N, C-alpha and C. Protein backbone atom coordinates (compact mmCIF):
# COMPACT_ATOMS: atom_id res chain seq x y z
N MET A 1 83.47 115.08 111.86
CA MET A 1 83.49 113.62 111.97
C MET A 1 84.17 112.68 112.35
N ASP A 2 83.25 111.53 112.74
CA ASP A 2 83.50 111.01 113.88
C ASP A 2 84.97 109.11 113.58
N GLN A 3 84.97 108.79 114.22
CA GLN A 3 86.53 107.92 113.61
C GLN A 3 85.59 106.83 112.59
N SER A 4 84.58 106.18 112.03
CA SER A 4 84.24 105.30 111.53
C SER A 4 83.51 105.92 110.04
N SER A 5 83.74 107.42 110.52
CA SER A 5 83.14 108.10 108.84
C SER A 5 84.80 108.59 108.50
N ILE A 6 85.58 108.98 108.68
CA ILE A 6 87.18 109.73 108.68
C ILE A 6 87.59 107.97 108.24
N MET A 7 87.27 107.23 108.77
CA MET A 7 87.97 105.81 107.80
C MET A 7 87.55 105.54 107.11
N LYS A 8 86.28 105.41 106.63
CA LYS A 8 85.10 106.01 105.58
C LYS A 8 85.54 106.55 104.36
N ARG A 9 86.41 107.25 104.77
CA ARG A 9 86.39 108.64 103.41
C ARG A 9 88.14 108.59 103.25
N ILE A 10 88.88 107.98 103.88
CA ILE A 10 90.32 107.73 104.04
C ILE A 10 90.16 106.88 102.70
N GLU A 11 88.90 105.90 102.64
CA GLU A 11 89.17 104.43 101.83
C GLU A 11 88.41 104.49 100.56
N GLU A 12 87.39 105.69 100.91
CA GLU A 12 86.88 106.62 99.25
C GLU A 12 88.09 107.31 98.58
N THR A 13 88.51 107.97 98.92
CA THR A 13 89.59 108.82 98.40
C THR A 13 90.91 108.27 98.25
N GLY A 14 91.10 107.16 98.98
CA GLY A 14 92.38 106.23 98.47
C GLY A 14 93.87 106.77 98.67
N ILE A 15 93.93 108.03 98.72
CA ILE A 15 95.23 108.43 98.95
C ILE A 15 94.91 109.79 100.24
N VAL A 16 95.99 109.98 101.35
CA VAL A 16 96.06 110.85 102.34
C VAL A 16 97.31 111.67 101.28
N PRO A 17 97.55 112.71 101.40
CA PRO A 17 98.72 113.90 101.04
C PRO A 17 99.35 114.12 102.38
N VAL A 18 100.78 113.69 102.48
CA VAL A 18 101.27 114.24 103.47
C VAL A 18 101.85 115.84 102.91
N ILE A 19 101.33 116.88 103.85
CA ILE A 19 101.66 117.96 103.37
C ILE A 19 102.53 119.00 104.28
N VAL A 20 103.72 119.53 103.92
CA VAL A 20 104.75 120.01 104.64
C VAL A 20 104.33 121.39 104.39
N ILE A 21 103.88 122.22 105.16
CA ILE A 21 103.81 123.82 105.52
C ILE A 21 104.53 124.68 105.69
N ASP A 22 105.72 125.29 105.10
CA ASP A 22 106.56 126.24 105.87
C ASP A 22 106.22 127.65 105.67
N ASP A 23 105.26 127.80 104.72
CA ASP A 23 104.73 129.45 105.08
C ASP A 23 102.95 129.15 105.17
N VAL A 24 102.50 129.67 106.34
CA VAL A 24 100.82 129.50 106.59
C VAL A 24 100.28 129.97 105.42
N ASN A 25 101.01 130.74 104.53
CA ASN A 25 100.03 131.52 103.58
C ASN A 25 99.63 130.78 102.74
N ASP A 26 100.26 129.49 102.52
CA ASP A 26 100.41 128.41 101.29
C ASP A 26 99.70 127.43 101.79
N ALA A 27 98.87 127.18 102.81
CA ALA A 27 97.99 126.27 103.05
C ALA A 27 97.10 126.23 102.43
N VAL A 28 96.52 127.58 101.92
CA VAL A 28 95.11 127.64 101.29
C VAL A 28 94.83 127.26 100.40
N PRO A 29 95.93 127.95 99.68
CA PRO A 29 96.04 127.89 98.43
C PRO A 29 96.30 125.98 97.69
N THR A 30 97.19 125.25 98.65
CA THR A 30 97.53 124.31 98.29
C THR A 30 96.59 123.25 98.70
N ALA A 31 95.43 123.29 99.85
CA ALA A 31 94.38 122.90 99.79
C ALA A 31 93.63 122.66 98.69
N LYS A 32 93.04 124.00 98.02
CA LYS A 32 92.30 124.18 97.04
C LYS A 32 92.90 123.35 95.65
N ALA A 33 94.50 123.46 95.70
CA ALA A 33 95.00 122.38 94.36
C ALA A 33 94.60 120.99 94.79
N LEU A 34 94.14 120.22 95.88
CA LEU A 34 94.07 119.27 95.93
C LEU A 34 92.71 118.70 95.71
N LEU A 35 91.73 120.03 95.80
CA LEU A 35 90.66 120.04 95.59
C LEU A 35 90.45 119.45 94.48
N SER A 36 91.19 120.64 93.59
CA SER A 36 90.86 120.52 92.04
C SER A 36 91.25 119.48 90.99
N GLY A 37 92.00 118.89 92.05
CA GLY A 37 92.77 117.37 91.67
C GLY A 37 92.20 116.15 91.48
N GLY A 38 90.83 116.80 92.70
CA GLY A 38 90.12 115.35 93.10
C GLY A 38 90.54 114.72 94.76
N ILE A 39 90.92 115.57 95.23
CA ILE A 39 91.52 115.01 96.82
C ILE A 39 90.89 115.64 97.51
N ASP A 40 90.01 115.48 98.39
CA ASP A 40 89.27 115.93 99.61
C ASP A 40 90.11 115.82 101.16
N MET A 41 90.76 115.52 100.79
CA MET A 41 91.62 115.10 102.22
C MET A 41 92.97 115.17 102.22
N MET A 42 94.10 116.11 103.43
CA MET A 42 94.77 116.33 103.51
C MET A 42 95.58 116.18 104.88
N GLU A 43 96.81 115.71 105.05
CA GLU A 43 97.27 115.53 106.13
C GLU A 43 98.82 116.56 106.54
N ILE A 44 98.39 117.62 107.34
CA ILE A 44 99.25 118.46 107.23
C ILE A 44 100.26 117.70 108.81
N THR A 45 101.83 118.46 108.67
CA THR A 45 102.79 117.52 109.03
C THR A 45 103.00 118.63 110.21
N PHE A 46 103.43 118.12 111.42
CA PHE A 46 103.66 118.75 112.60
C PHE A 46 104.92 119.12 112.35
N ARG A 47 106.00 119.09 111.30
CA ARG A 47 107.60 119.07 111.19
C ARG A 47 107.64 120.74 111.39
N THR A 48 106.83 121.14 110.85
CA THR A 48 107.39 122.78 110.94
C THR A 48 105.96 123.29 112.23
N ALA A 49 106.81 124.83 112.57
CA ALA A 49 106.59 125.91 113.64
C ALA A 49 105.34 126.23 113.13
N CYS A 50 104.76 126.47 112.09
CA CYS A 50 103.19 126.79 111.74
C CYS A 50 102.42 125.83 111.28
N ALA A 51 102.81 124.91 111.56
CA ALA A 51 101.58 123.37 111.08
C ALA A 51 100.11 123.92 111.77
N ALA A 52 100.01 123.92 112.96
CA ALA A 52 98.65 124.24 114.13
C ALA A 52 98.23 125.12 113.26
N GLU A 53 98.66 126.39 112.75
CA GLU A 53 98.00 127.70 112.06
C GLU A 53 97.78 127.47 110.65
N ALA A 54 98.14 126.32 110.17
CA ALA A 54 97.77 125.82 109.28
C ALA A 54 96.73 125.06 109.11
N ILE A 55 96.58 124.32 109.80
CA ILE A 55 95.53 123.80 109.57
C ILE A 55 94.21 124.20 110.19
N ALA A 56 94.56 125.13 111.11
CA ALA A 56 93.31 125.87 111.26
C ALA A 56 92.70 126.96 110.13
N LYS A 57 93.74 127.21 109.65
CA LYS A 57 93.60 128.30 108.06
C LYS A 57 92.68 127.39 107.55
N VAL A 58 93.37 126.34 106.88
CA VAL A 58 92.32 125.20 105.69
C VAL A 58 90.80 125.00 106.59
N LYS A 59 91.07 124.95 107.73
CA LYS A 59 89.77 124.20 108.67
C LYS A 59 88.75 125.69 108.23
N ASN A 60 88.94 126.66 108.72
CA ASN A 60 88.54 127.97 108.51
C ASN A 60 88.12 128.08 106.87
N GLU A 61 88.46 127.92 106.36
CA GLU A 61 89.14 128.64 104.85
C GLU A 61 88.50 127.87 103.57
N VAL A 62 88.79 126.25 104.02
CA VAL A 62 88.40 125.34 102.87
C VAL A 62 87.17 124.48 103.44
N PRO A 63 86.34 124.73 103.88
CA PRO A 63 85.32 123.77 104.44
C PRO A 63 85.23 122.64 103.96
N ASP A 64 85.40 122.45 102.61
CA ASP A 64 85.57 120.85 101.55
C ASP A 64 86.48 120.04 102.14
N MET A 65 87.52 120.45 102.64
CA MET A 65 89.15 119.56 103.08
C MET A 65 88.73 119.15 103.91
N ILE A 66 89.21 118.09 104.05
CA ILE A 66 89.47 117.29 105.57
C ILE A 66 90.64 117.28 106.05
N VAL A 67 90.97 118.05 107.18
CA VAL A 67 92.42 118.12 107.17
C VAL A 67 92.86 117.70 108.36
N GLY A 68 93.71 116.63 108.22
CA GLY A 68 94.38 115.70 109.79
C GLY A 68 95.60 116.76 109.88
N ALA A 69 96.28 115.91 111.29
CA ALA A 69 97.42 116.21 111.77
C ALA A 69 98.42 114.69 111.31
N GLY A 70 99.94 115.38 110.89
CA GLY A 70 100.24 114.42 110.71
C GLY A 70 101.72 114.09 111.72
N THR A 71 102.61 112.99 111.97
CA THR A 71 104.05 113.54 112.61
C THR A 71 103.71 113.89 113.94
N ILE A 72 102.33 113.68 114.27
CA ILE A 72 102.04 113.27 115.80
C ILE A 72 102.88 112.69 116.39
N LEU A 73 103.86 112.94 117.73
CA LEU A 73 104.72 112.23 118.53
C LEU A 73 104.20 111.77 119.73
N ASP A 74 103.38 112.77 120.37
CA ASP A 74 103.05 112.87 121.75
C ASP A 74 101.53 113.27 122.09
N LYS A 75 101.56 113.41 123.23
CA LYS A 75 99.98 113.87 123.51
C LYS A 75 99.78 115.84 123.57
N GLU A 76 100.80 116.22 123.99
CA GLU A 76 100.52 117.62 123.86
C GLU A 76 100.80 118.11 122.29
N GLN A 77 101.62 117.56 121.17
CA GLN A 77 101.06 117.34 120.06
C GLN A 77 99.83 117.26 119.90
N LEU A 78 98.98 116.45 120.13
CA LEU A 78 98.30 116.18 119.75
C LEU A 78 96.69 116.94 120.33
N LEU A 79 97.17 117.03 121.18
CA LEU A 79 95.83 118.42 121.85
C LEU A 79 96.17 120.10 120.99
N ARG A 80 97.42 119.84 120.83
CA ARG A 80 97.18 121.24 120.04
C ARG A 80 96.70 120.97 118.72
N ALA A 81 97.01 119.97 117.91
CA ALA A 81 96.22 119.42 116.86
C ALA A 81 95.08 119.57 116.52
N VAL A 82 94.22 119.25 117.52
CA VAL A 82 93.08 118.97 117.82
C VAL A 82 92.54 120.37 118.24
N ASP A 83 93.05 121.00 118.71
CA ASP A 83 92.43 122.60 118.93
C ASP A 83 92.60 123.41 118.19
N ALA A 84 93.37 122.60 116.77
CA ALA A 84 93.51 123.75 115.79
C ALA A 84 92.57 123.54 114.53
N GLY A 85 91.68 122.01 114.88
CA GLY A 85 90.82 121.60 114.00
C GLY A 85 90.97 120.03 113.30
N ALA A 86 92.08 119.96 114.06
CA ALA A 86 92.35 118.56 113.05
C ALA A 86 91.09 117.40 113.28
N GLU A 87 90.60 117.14 111.92
CA GLU A 87 89.72 116.04 111.91
C GLU A 87 90.30 114.27 112.36
N PHE A 88 91.77 114.31 112.39
CA PHE A 88 92.33 112.92 112.17
C PHE A 88 93.74 112.94 112.42
N ILE A 89 94.24 111.96 113.10
CA ILE A 89 95.59 111.80 113.28
C ILE A 89 95.90 111.09 113.24
N VAL A 90 97.41 111.58 112.17
CA VAL A 90 98.79 110.01 111.71
C VAL A 90 99.78 110.63 112.79
N SER A 91 100.29 109.21 113.37
CA SER A 91 101.58 109.19 113.94
C SER A 91 102.36 108.20 113.01
N PRO A 92 103.79 108.63 113.15
CA PRO A 92 104.80 107.47 112.74
C PRO A 92 104.98 106.17 113.18
N GLY A 93 104.69 106.28 114.68
CA GLY A 93 104.77 105.27 115.34
C GLY A 93 103.68 104.83 116.22
N PHE A 94 103.75 104.02 116.91
CA PHE A 94 102.70 103.93 117.89
C PHE A 94 102.66 104.24 119.40
N SER A 95 101.88 104.55 119.85
CA SER A 95 101.96 105.62 120.86
C SER A 95 100.10 105.19 121.58
N GLU A 96 100.66 104.65 122.58
CA GLU A 96 99.57 104.34 124.04
C GLU A 96 98.81 105.45 123.64
N GLU A 97 99.10 105.99 124.30
CA GLU A 97 98.63 107.20 125.24
C GLU A 97 98.15 108.36 124.27
N VAL A 98 98.39 108.37 122.92
CA VAL A 98 97.90 109.07 121.76
C VAL A 98 96.60 108.36 121.38
N VAL A 99 96.96 107.00 121.21
CA VAL A 99 95.45 106.21 120.25
C VAL A 99 94.46 106.31 121.63
N LYS A 100 94.39 105.95 122.89
CA LYS A 100 93.90 105.97 123.45
C LYS A 100 93.12 107.60 124.07
N HIS A 101 93.54 108.57 123.96
CA HIS A 101 92.93 109.77 123.74
C HIS A 101 92.07 110.05 122.82
N CYS A 102 92.57 109.56 121.37
CA CYS A 102 91.64 109.87 120.40
C CYS A 102 90.20 108.78 120.37
N ASN A 103 90.90 107.48 121.33
CA ASN A 103 89.59 106.84 120.85
C ASN A 103 88.59 107.30 122.50
N GLU A 104 88.80 108.12 123.00
CA GLU A 104 88.21 108.46 124.25
C GLU A 104 87.60 109.74 123.76
N LYS A 105 88.03 110.27 122.68
CA LYS A 105 87.36 111.60 122.20
C LYS A 105 86.82 111.51 120.85
N ASN A 106 86.88 110.02 120.30
CA ASN A 106 86.17 109.42 119.12
C ASN A 106 87.03 110.61 118.05
N ILE A 107 88.04 110.59 117.85
CA ILE A 107 89.01 111.03 117.06
C ILE A 107 89.62 110.28 115.99
N ALA A 108 89.63 110.39 114.76
CA ALA A 108 90.61 109.14 113.82
C ALA A 108 91.91 109.03 114.24
N VAL A 109 92.27 108.14 114.45
CA VAL A 109 93.80 108.00 114.42
C VAL A 109 94.51 107.00 113.62
N VAL A 110 95.88 107.25 112.91
CA VAL A 110 96.65 105.98 112.16
C VAL A 110 97.77 106.13 112.67
N PRO A 111 97.79 104.97 113.54
CA PRO A 111 99.26 105.29 114.03
C PRO A 111 100.11 104.45 113.07
N GLY A 112 101.86 104.51 113.46
CA GLY A 112 102.45 103.54 112.49
C GLY A 112 102.79 102.62 113.49
N CYS A 113 102.95 101.17 112.45
CA CYS A 113 103.28 99.85 113.09
C CYS A 113 103.68 98.94 112.10
N VAL A 114 105.18 98.82 111.83
CA VAL A 114 104.95 97.91 111.02
C VAL A 114 105.91 96.39 111.65
N THR A 115 105.63 95.87 113.19
CA THR A 115 106.40 94.55 113.59
C THR A 115 105.23 94.29 114.09
N PRO A 116 104.82 92.61 114.17
CA PRO A 116 103.37 91.88 114.31
C PRO A 116 103.33 92.42 115.51
N THR A 117 103.93 92.81 116.81
CA THR A 117 103.87 93.26 117.78
C THR A 117 102.83 94.57 118.09
N GLU A 118 103.47 95.49 117.35
CA GLU A 118 102.97 97.01 117.03
C GLU A 118 101.40 96.88 116.69
N ILE A 119 101.28 96.37 115.80
CA ILE A 119 100.12 95.78 115.05
C ILE A 119 99.16 94.94 115.88
N MET A 120 99.42 94.39 116.90
CA MET A 120 98.74 93.72 117.99
C MET A 120 98.41 94.84 119.02
N ALA A 121 99.14 95.40 119.40
CA ALA A 121 98.90 96.73 120.49
C ALA A 121 98.03 97.73 119.66
N ALA A 122 98.05 98.13 118.38
CA ALA A 122 97.22 98.72 117.87
C ALA A 122 95.43 97.95 117.87
N ARG A 123 95.75 96.60 117.76
CA ARG A 123 94.38 96.15 116.97
C ARG A 123 93.52 95.93 118.52
N SER A 124 94.46 95.88 119.80
CA SER A 124 93.99 95.85 120.99
C SER A 124 93.14 96.50 121.55
N LEU A 125 93.66 97.89 121.16
CA LEU A 125 92.86 98.98 121.50
C LEU A 125 91.78 99.83 120.68
N GLY A 126 91.02 98.69 119.71
CA GLY A 126 90.19 98.39 118.83
C GLY A 126 90.05 98.55 117.55
N LEU A 127 91.97 99.14 116.96
CA LEU A 127 91.80 100.11 115.72
C LEU A 127 91.66 98.86 114.67
N SER A 128 91.68 98.84 113.48
CA SER A 128 91.55 98.41 112.34
C SER A 128 92.28 98.64 111.32
N VAL A 129 92.98 99.88 111.28
CA VAL A 129 93.60 100.76 110.00
C VAL A 129 94.89 100.81 110.98
N ILE A 130 96.13 100.82 110.36
CA ILE A 130 97.41 101.01 110.66
C ILE A 130 97.99 102.25 109.97
N LYS A 131 99.33 102.44 109.84
CA LYS A 131 100.17 103.44 109.09
C LYS A 131 100.97 102.46 108.47
N TYR A 132 101.69 102.18 107.96
CA TYR A 132 102.74 101.30 107.18
C TYR A 132 103.98 102.11 106.88
N PHE A 133 104.88 102.68 107.74
CA PHE A 133 105.93 103.46 107.42
C PHE A 133 107.13 103.18 108.42
N PRO A 134 108.32 103.59 106.92
CA PRO A 134 108.71 103.69 105.89
C PRO A 134 108.56 102.29 104.82
N ALA A 135 106.99 102.50 104.42
CA ALA A 135 106.58 101.01 103.50
C ALA A 135 108.35 100.61 102.72
N ASP A 136 109.03 101.33 101.87
CA ASP A 136 110.20 100.70 101.16
C ASP A 136 111.05 100.64 101.79
N LEU A 137 111.32 100.61 103.23
CA LEU A 137 112.62 100.64 103.76
C LEU A 137 111.69 99.26 104.80
N PHE A 138 110.68 98.91 104.84
CA PHE A 138 110.25 97.43 105.89
C PHE A 138 109.20 96.64 104.63
N GLY A 139 109.89 96.55 103.58
CA GLY A 139 109.50 95.39 102.80
C GLY A 139 108.30 95.85 102.28
N GLY A 140 107.63 96.90 101.83
CA GLY A 140 106.90 96.94 100.73
C GLY A 140 105.78 95.95 100.77
N ILE A 141 105.11 96.21 99.27
CA ILE A 141 103.68 95.23 99.15
C ILE A 141 104.40 93.77 99.47
N LYS A 142 105.35 93.17 99.78
CA LYS A 142 105.90 91.65 100.17
C LYS A 142 105.64 91.86 101.47
N ALA A 143 105.82 92.95 102.14
CA ALA A 143 105.80 93.06 103.46
C ALA A 143 104.47 92.50 104.10
N ILE A 144 103.69 93.76 103.60
CA ILE A 144 102.01 93.74 103.80
C ILE A 144 101.29 92.89 103.76
N LYS A 145 102.02 92.06 102.14
CA LYS A 145 101.21 91.06 102.21
C LYS A 145 101.09 89.73 103.01
N ALA A 146 102.51 89.65 103.50
CA ALA A 146 102.62 89.05 104.56
C ALA A 146 101.85 88.82 106.20
N LEU A 147 101.63 90.25 106.35
CA LEU A 147 101.33 90.64 107.63
C LEU A 147 99.86 90.70 107.62
N SER A 148 99.38 90.47 106.53
CA SER A 148 98.05 91.04 106.25
C SER A 148 97.52 89.21 106.35
N GLY A 149 98.06 88.83 105.92
CA GLY A 149 98.03 86.78 105.70
C GLY A 149 97.74 86.14 107.43
N VAL A 150 97.72 87.00 108.57
CA VAL A 150 98.13 87.13 109.46
C VAL A 150 97.03 88.25 110.03
N PHE A 151 96.76 89.43 110.28
CA PHE A 151 96.28 90.11 110.79
C PHE A 151 95.20 90.43 109.57
N ARG A 152 94.16 89.37 109.70
CA ARG A 152 93.14 89.44 108.19
C ARG A 152 92.14 90.46 108.58
N ASP A 153 92.12 91.40 109.97
CA ASP A 153 90.94 91.99 110.21
C ASP A 153 91.82 93.76 110.16
N MET A 154 92.91 93.81 109.68
CA MET A 154 93.56 94.83 109.59
C MET A 154 93.82 94.99 108.58
N ARG A 155 94.22 96.57 108.54
CA ARG A 155 94.09 97.21 106.71
C ARG A 155 95.36 98.19 107.13
N PHE A 156 96.43 98.32 106.09
CA PHE A 156 96.90 99.44 105.98
C PHE A 156 97.06 100.59 105.15
N LEU A 157 98.11 101.78 105.50
CA LEU A 157 97.88 102.30 104.86
C LEU A 157 99.65 102.93 104.83
N PRO A 158 100.05 102.68 103.81
CA PRO A 158 101.07 102.26 103.34
C PRO A 158 102.09 103.94 102.78
N THR A 159 102.89 104.32 103.87
CA THR A 159 103.53 105.67 103.15
C THR A 159 105.42 105.59 103.44
N GLY A 160 105.65 106.36 102.72
CA GLY A 160 107.04 106.45 102.29
C GLY A 160 107.60 105.13 101.22
N GLY A 161 108.12 106.24 100.02
CA GLY A 161 108.47 105.14 98.89
C GLY A 161 107.18 104.65 97.52
N VAL A 162 105.90 105.70 98.38
CA VAL A 162 104.88 105.21 97.68
C VAL A 162 104.90 106.52 96.07
N ASN A 163 104.71 106.03 95.48
CA ASN A 163 105.00 107.54 94.12
C ASN A 163 103.91 106.79 92.81
N LEU A 164 104.00 107.98 91.96
CA LEU A 164 103.02 107.55 90.47
C LEU A 164 103.38 106.18 89.85
N GLU A 165 104.76 105.90 90.17
CA GLU A 165 105.23 104.85 89.25
C GLU A 165 105.05 103.03 89.97
N ASN A 166 104.78 103.66 90.91
CA ASN A 166 104.33 101.89 92.03
C ASN A 166 102.94 102.32 93.15
N ILE A 167 101.92 103.27 92.58
CA ILE A 167 100.83 103.61 93.38
C ILE A 167 99.93 102.04 93.21
N THR A 168 99.54 101.94 91.63
CA THR A 168 98.67 101.19 91.32
C THR A 168 98.97 99.76 92.26
N ASP A 169 100.24 99.22 91.99
CA ASP A 169 100.80 97.99 92.62
C ASP A 169 100.16 97.81 94.59
N PHE A 170 100.44 99.58 94.96
CA PHE A 170 99.90 99.62 96.33
C PHE A 170 98.42 99.46 96.46
N ALA A 171 97.38 100.42 95.29
CA ALA A 171 96.41 100.28 95.66
C ALA A 171 95.37 98.77 94.97
N SER A 172 96.23 98.29 93.82
CA SER A 172 95.55 97.55 94.01
C SER A 172 95.35 96.24 95.07
N GLN A 173 95.93 96.25 96.48
CA GLN A 173 96.01 95.30 97.20
C GLN A 173 94.52 95.34 98.45
N LYS A 174 93.67 94.78 98.36
CA LYS A 174 92.66 94.72 99.23
C LYS A 174 92.66 95.02 100.30
N SER A 175 93.74 94.47 100.80
CA SER A 175 94.58 94.93 102.32
C SER A 175 94.97 96.59 102.73
N ILE A 176 95.01 97.02 101.33
CA ILE A 176 95.57 98.29 101.85
C ILE A 176 94.24 99.71 101.47
N VAL A 177 94.10 100.08 102.58
CA VAL A 177 93.11 100.94 102.58
C VAL A 177 93.14 102.17 101.63
N ALA A 178 94.61 102.39 101.89
CA ALA A 178 94.56 104.05 101.15
C ALA A 178 96.42 103.70 101.04
N VAL A 179 96.75 104.83 100.44
CA VAL A 179 98.28 105.20 100.22
C VAL A 179 98.37 106.52 100.63
N GLY A 180 99.83 107.26 101.39
CA GLY A 180 99.92 108.04 101.61
C GLY A 180 101.60 108.43 101.22
N GLY A 181 101.63 109.97 101.04
CA GLY A 181 102.53 110.25 100.40
C GLY A 181 102.88 111.86 100.14
N SER A 182 104.09 112.55 100.08
CA SER A 182 103.81 113.94 99.44
C SER A 182 104.79 114.01 98.15
N PHE A 183 104.21 112.75 97.34
CA PHE A 183 104.83 112.83 96.06
C PHE A 183 103.76 113.80 95.04
N VAL A 184 102.35 114.05 95.43
CA VAL A 184 101.52 114.65 94.77
C VAL A 184 101.58 116.02 95.24
N ALA A 185 102.05 116.65 95.73
CA ALA A 185 102.67 117.78 96.74
C ALA A 185 103.83 118.36 97.35
N THR A 186 104.67 118.01 97.15
CA THR A 186 106.18 118.26 97.60
C THR A 186 106.09 119.35 98.19
N ALA A 187 107.09 119.30 99.30
CA ALA A 187 107.20 120.78 99.84
C ALA A 187 107.81 121.63 98.76
N LYS A 188 108.65 121.36 97.96
CA LYS A 188 109.55 122.45 97.26
C LYS A 188 108.13 123.10 96.35
N ASP A 189 107.21 122.28 95.54
CA ASP A 189 106.39 122.66 94.98
C ASP A 189 105.53 123.40 95.28
N ILE A 190 105.22 123.15 96.95
CA ILE A 190 104.10 124.30 97.57
C ILE A 190 105.26 125.63 97.87
N ARG A 191 106.46 125.08 98.17
CA ARG A 191 106.87 126.57 98.53
C ARG A 191 107.24 127.33 96.78
N GLU A 192 107.73 126.84 95.94
CA GLU A 192 107.40 127.63 94.71
C GLU A 192 105.77 127.93 93.80
N HIS A 193 104.68 127.65 94.59
CA HIS A 193 103.32 127.51 94.26
C HIS A 193 103.52 127.22 92.75
N ASN A 194 103.92 125.98 92.63
CA ASN A 194 103.59 125.07 91.65
C ASN A 194 102.02 124.47 92.09
N PHE A 195 101.17 125.40 91.97
CA PHE A 195 99.51 124.61 92.11
C PHE A 195 99.10 123.98 91.26
N GLU A 196 99.25 124.43 89.80
CA GLU A 196 98.71 124.15 88.74
C GLU A 196 99.57 122.20 88.90
N LYS A 197 100.81 122.46 88.82
CA LYS A 197 101.07 120.73 88.53
C LYS A 197 100.99 120.13 89.94
N ILE A 198 100.53 120.58 91.30
CA ILE A 198 99.94 119.82 92.19
C ILE A 198 98.75 119.15 91.81
N THR A 199 98.03 120.26 91.12
CA THR A 199 96.55 119.73 91.12
C THR A 199 96.52 118.69 89.88
N GLU A 200 97.42 118.49 88.81
CA GLU A 200 97.66 117.54 87.68
C GLU A 200 98.00 116.02 88.25
N LEU A 201 99.03 116.46 89.46
CA LEU A 201 99.70 114.91 89.95
C LEU A 201 98.41 114.65 90.78
N CYS A 202 97.49 115.37 91.61
CA CYS A 202 96.33 114.74 92.21
C CYS A 202 95.15 113.56 91.14
N LYS A 203 95.60 114.81 90.10
CA LYS A 203 94.19 113.84 89.20
C LYS A 203 94.92 112.51 88.70
N SER A 204 96.45 112.52 88.33
CA SER A 204 96.73 111.34 88.12
C SER A 204 96.79 110.28 89.02
N ALA A 205 96.96 110.30 90.29
CA ALA A 205 97.00 109.48 91.21
C ALA A 205 95.65 108.86 91.06
N LYS A 206 94.83 110.10 91.66
CA LYS A 206 93.35 109.30 91.63
C LYS A 206 92.79 108.27 90.49
N GLU A 207 93.74 108.71 89.41
CA GLU A 207 93.02 108.22 88.09
C GLU A 207 93.68 106.52 88.04
N LYS A 208 95.24 106.63 88.56
CA LYS A 208 95.30 105.26 88.84
C LYS A 208 94.94 104.40 89.95
N ILE A 209 94.55 105.09 91.22
CA ILE A 209 94.09 104.54 92.21
C ILE A 209 92.34 103.91 91.75
N LEU A 210 91.77 104.49 90.64
CA LEU A 210 90.86 103.85 90.10
C LEU A 210 91.00 103.18 89.19
N CYS A 211 92.08 102.83 88.81
CA CYS A 211 91.61 101.68 87.64
C CYS A 211 92.37 100.42 88.43
N ALA A 212 93.41 100.59 89.54
CA ALA A 212 93.75 99.85 90.35
C ALA A 212 92.69 99.01 91.14
N LYS A 213 91.03 99.99 91.44
CA LYS A 213 90.69 99.38 92.08
C LYS A 213 89.68 98.28 91.32
N GLN A 214 89.61 98.48 89.70
CA GLN A 214 88.74 98.03 89.24
C GLN A 214 88.42 96.49 88.99
């Protein structure tokens, strides 16, 4: 999928689960649990040694899942993620090198930006969606409202501090394209194989997002 198609799917889904896989054998069951809960997109973070293998496994065995790579810090990680089959890239901060490479290869990329300067840098490279992380530490909804008043052609994907209790507050804002977080599939629930719980949490999140957007 190209950049615009991925961004459209992110908006349609409304949530990008941030997934930490410690055991590669948990990757496929986690993907299937997300799908059963109505979420067909997942961001597997590069915080663990098996991240690239997990991405490849989901890509090959769960064709209905759109799988991306998160916590991409540099071009070396980016290339490994793309080689594994990652369809989109998410970074905690702004890397011009990473964004430019993704643009050249028509790969969807959502860099982390919280200051006006970082947002302007992303905007100058043609991006219209940025990750706002960690949202709870950088002003949350109040800060996003203020920034969206200036950057009216930019949209935000807040991650960090988003949960089932406040998800509707975020999802109801037109400047927010989707939310991100691990609250629907925590590392603990994945390790303990609580896949039915993950499915139910996904259903709850999707229901709250739909209600917020009506």
